[in-house]
Amino acid sequence: MAKISIFGGRGMIGSQIAKLFARCGNEIDIIGRDYDGHELGNIVVLAVKFPDLAPLVETHGKHFAGKIVIDITNPISFANLDELLVPQGTSNAEILAGKLLQSQVVKGFNINFSDSLATCQVKGNPASLLFASDSQEAKQAIFAALANSGAKLVDAGKLQRARLLESAGLLLINLAVSGQIQRDGGLVII
């Protein structure tokens, strides 16, 4: 059992991530805008909107030292849904890792919709949860915390693969906005 601290754990995706970790027997710490600086769990999930991430890290990043930090954001332009808001050749997760040098940053949950996280199913198949990080230890800790989820846990490789996950997030959101997939849809690796 791990202690999971979730910033944004009351939102649509954050609350499903909290329920998922709780179903797997983990202790959950939901953190809103009123974070008081208490000791965080060994896994910290940043389930906030992309524009809110930089201020959160600037204000509270010192509390993430020594923690596994999961970035779930999709840094996309909601003005046109056609571009990522990070420079080419990088990802938001890589930028975050450059700011949180004492943390193990992981990209994950960004290609999953709320309904598929609620059931760990996509149209009758186990949902695929992909995680990218330079820390194998961090990915293994997350996999252990989600071992009983019923989802297919996938090691997506090094943190630079977050570039691909963020692009996939952009694609899936586009498909959802255009009505081609629903919140119970998503990517399934068989």
Protein backbone atom coordinates (compact mmCIF):
# COMPACT_ATOMS: atom_id res chain seq x y z
CA MET A 1 0.00 0.00 0.00
CA ALA A 2 1.21 3.47 -0.88
CA LYS A 3 0.08 6.92 0.15
CA ILE A 4 -1.06 8.88 -2.91
CA SER A 5 -1.40 12.67 -2.72
CA ILE A 6 -3.52 14.10 -5.51
CA PHE A 7 -3.52 17.79 -6.33
CA GLY A 8 -6.80 18.39 -8.16
CA GLY A 9 -8.32 15.21 -6.82
CA ARG A 10 -11.83 16.66 -6.85
CA GLY A 11 -11.92 17.24 -10.61
CA MET A 12 -13.35 14.84 -13.17
CA ILE A 13 -10.10 13.00 -13.95
CA GLY A 14 -8.42 13.55 -10.58
CA SER A 15 -11.36 12.07 -8.69
CA GLN A 16 -11.33 8.95 -10.89
CA ILE A 17 -7.58 8.56 -10.35
CA ALA A 18 -8.18 8.86 -6.59
CA LYS A 19 -10.91 6.20 -6.72
CA LEU A 20 -8.69 3.94 -8.82
CA PHE A 21 -5.79 4.09 -6.36
CA ALA A 22 -8.23 3.66 -3.44
CA ARG A 23 -9.80 0.54 -5.03
CA CYS A 24 -6.28 -0.89 -5.20
CA GLY A 25 -5.88 -0.48 -1.43
CA ASN A 26 -3.85 2.72 -1.28
CA GLU A 27 -4.24 5.60 1.16
CA ILE A 28 -5.52 8.72 -0.61
CA ASP A 29 -4.74 12.35 0.25
CA ILE A 30 -6.90 14.77 -1.81
CA ILE A 31 -5.40 18.24 -2.00
CA GLY A 32 -7.28 21.33 -3.10
CA ARG A 33 -6.17 24.93 -3.46
CA ASP A 34 -5.80 25.13 0.33
CA TYR A 35 -2.71 22.89 0.63
CA ASP A 36 -1.16 23.53 4.03
CA GLY A 37 2.29 22.07 3.46
CA HIS A 38 1.62 18.74 5.21
CA GLU A 39 3.79 15.73 4.34
CA LEU A 40 2.81 14.32 0.98
CA GLY A 41 2.57 10.67 0.04
CA ASN A 42 5.40 8.93 -1.77
CA ILE A 43 3.40 9.29 -5.03
CA VAL A 44 2.11 12.76 -5.93
CA VAL A 45 -0.37 13.13 -8.81
CA LEU A 46 -0.66 16.54 -10.45
CA ALA A 47 -4.24 16.33 -11.75
CA VAL A 48 -4.66 20.01 -12.51
CA LYS A 49 -5.29 21.88 -15.74
CA PHE A 50 -2.17 22.70 -17.73
CA PRO A 51 -2.37 26.49 -17.08
CA ASP A 52 -2.53 25.81 -13.32
CA LEU A 53 0.51 23.52 -13.27
CA ALA A 54 3.34 26.09 -13.39
CA PRO A 55 1.97 28.19 -10.49
CA LEU A 56 1.37 25.01 -8.46
CA VAL A 57 4.94 23.82 -8.98
CA GLU A 58 6.37 27.27 -8.25
CA THR A 59 4.43 27.55 -5.00
CA HIS A 60 4.62 23.96 -3.72
CA GLY A 61 7.41 22.26 -5.70
CA LYS A 62 9.74 22.18 -2.70
CA HIS A 63 7.33 19.70 -1.08
CA PHE A 64 7.79 17.28 -4.02
CA ALA A 65 11.46 16.55 -3.26
CA GLY A 66 12.07 12.81 -2.92
CA LYS A 67 8.61 12.01 -4.31
CA ILE A 68 7.34 10.28 -7.43
CA VAL A 69 5.44 12.99 -9.31
CA ILE A 70 2.92 11.98 -12.00
CA ASP A 71 2.15 14.68 -14.56
CA ILE A 72 -1.24 13.96 -16.16
CA THR A 73 -1.57 17.24 -18.06
CA ASN A 74 -2.14 17.63 -21.76
CA PRO A 75 -0.49 20.90 -22.78
CA ILE A 76 -2.84 21.66 -25.63
CA SER A 77 -4.26 24.83 -27.08
CA PHE A 78 -7.99 24.76 -26.43
CA ALA A 79 -8.31 27.74 -28.79
CA ASN A 80 -7.83 25.48 -31.80
CA LEU A 81 -7.10 21.95 -30.48
CA ASP A 82 -4.37 21.65 -33.09
CA GLU A 83 -1.15 22.24 -31.21
CA LEU A 84 0.82 21.50 -28.10
CA LEU A 85 1.82 24.47 -25.96
CA VAL A 86 5.37 23.27 -25.35
CA PRO A 87 8.35 23.77 -27.65
CA GLN A 88 8.93 21.10 -30.28
CA GLY A 89 11.45 18.49 -29.21
CA THR A 90 10.29 18.40 -25.60
CA SER A 91 7.26 17.67 -23.45
CA ASN A 92 5.60 19.24 -20.47
CA ALA A 93 6.79 16.32 -18.36
CA GLU A 94 10.41 16.92 -19.39
CA ILE A 95 10.08 20.62 -18.58
CA LEU A 96 8.57 19.68 -15.22
CA ALA A 97 11.48 17.29 -14.53
CA GLY A 98 13.87 20.17 -15.17
CA LYS A 99 12.14 22.13 -12.41
CA LEU A 100 11.77 19.23 -9.96
CA LEU A 101 15.33 17.94 -9.92
CA GLN A 102 14.87 16.08 -6.63
CA SER A 103 11.73 14.26 -7.79
CA GLN A 104 11.12 11.27 -10.04
CA VAL A 105 8.81 12.66 -12.73
CA VAL A 106 6.45 10.31 -14.56
CA LYS A 107 4.06 11.05 -17.41
CA GLY A 108 0.85 9.08 -17.03
CA PHE A 109 -2.96 9.05 -17.17
CA ASN A 110 -3.00 11.79 -19.85
CA ILE A 111 -4.48 9.54 -22.55
CA ASN A 112 -7.24 8.14 -20.34
CA PHE A 113 -10.77 9.49 -20.10
CA SER A 114 -12.72 9.64 -16.85
CA ASP A 115 -15.18 6.83 -17.63
CA SER A 116 -12.45 4.41 -18.68
CA LEU A 117 -10.54 5.22 -15.48
CA ALA A 118 -13.70 4.57 -13.46
CA THR A 119 -14.06 1.05 -14.83
CA CYS A 120 -10.52 0.33 -16.08
CA GLN A 121 -12.28 -0.82 -19.24
CA VAL A 122 -12.45 0.47 -22.80
CA LYS A 123 -15.31 -1.16 -24.69
CA GLY A 124 -14.94 -4.45 -22.82
CA ASN A 125 -11.12 -4.52 -22.87
CA PRO A 126 -8.76 -3.65 -20.03
CA ALA A 127 -7.86 0.04 -20.25
CA SER A 128 -4.21 0.68 -21.06
CA LEU A 129 -2.46 2.95 -18.58
CA LEU A 130 0.85 4.15 -20.04
CA PHE A 131 3.66 5.59 -17.94
CA ALA A 132 6.92 7.16 -19.15
CA SER A 133 9.82 8.06 -16.86
CA ASP A 134 13.58 7.94 -16.61
CA SER A 135 13.08 6.21 -13.25
CA GLN A 136 12.33 2.52 -13.49
CA GLU A 137 11.90 2.52 -9.71
CA ALA A 138 9.13 5.14 -9.98
CA LYS A 139 7.26 3.18 -12.64
CA GLN A 140 7.51 -0.02 -10.58
CA ALA A 141 6.13 1.78 -7.51
CA ILE A 142 3.16 3.02 -9.55
CA PHE A 143 2.61 -0.45 -11.03
CA ALA A 144 2.66 -1.95 -7.52
CA ALA A 145 0.13 0.65 -6.32
CA LEU A 146 -2.16 -0.20 -9.27
CA ALA A 147 -1.54 -3.97 -9.31
CA ASN A 148 -5.17 -4.89 -8.64
CA SER A 149 -6.71 -2.29 -10.97
CA GLY A 150 -7.72 -4.60 -13.80
CA ALA A 151 -6.04 -2.21 -16.22
CA LYS A 152 -3.15 -3.09 -18.49
CA LEU A 153 -0.14 -1.25 -17.04
CA VAL A 154 2.32 -0.30 -19.77
CA ASP A 155 5.90 0.89 -19.41
CA ALA A 156 6.10 3.46 -22.21
CA GLY A 157 9.86 3.94 -21.79
CA LYS A 158 12.02 6.92 -20.91
CA LEU A 159 10.60 10.33 -20.05
CA GLN A 160 11.24 11.61 -23.57
CA ARG A 161 8.39 9.30 -24.65
CA ALA A 162 6.13 11.78 -22.86
CA ARG A 163 6.34 13.73 -26.13
CA LEU A 164 4.48 10.90 -27.82
CA LEU A 165 1.99 10.53 -24.96
CA GLU A 166 1.21 14.26 -25.05
CA SER A 167 0.70 14.08 -28.83
CA ALA A 168 -1.55 11.05 -28.35
CA GLY A 169 -3.48 13.03 -25.72
CA LEU A 170 -4.02 15.81 -28.25
CA LEU A 171 -5.28 13.31 -30.83
CA LEU A 172 -7.67 11.57 -28.41
CA ILE A 173 -9.09 14.86 -27.16
CA ASN A 174 -9.66 15.92 -30.78
CA LEU A 175 -11.48 12.65 -31.45
CA ALA A 176 -13.62 13.15 -28.35
CA VAL A 177 -14.49 16.76 -29.19
CA SER A 178 -15.51 15.72 -32.70
CA GLY A 179 -17.73 12.98 -31.22
CA GLN A 180 -15.76 10.07 -32.68
CA ILE A 181 -15.04 8.60 -29.24
CA GLN A 182 -16.74 9.01 -25.87
CA ARG A 183 -15.37 9.27 -22.33
CA ASP A 184 -15.50 5.49 -22.11
CA GLY A 185 -13.23 5.21 -25.17
CA GLY A 186 -9.51 5.49 -25.54
CA LEU A 187 -6.36 3.67 -26.46
CA VAL A 188 -6.16 -0.06 -25.81
CA ILE A 189 -2.97 -2.05 -26.24
CA ILE A 190 -3.69 -5.74 -26.72
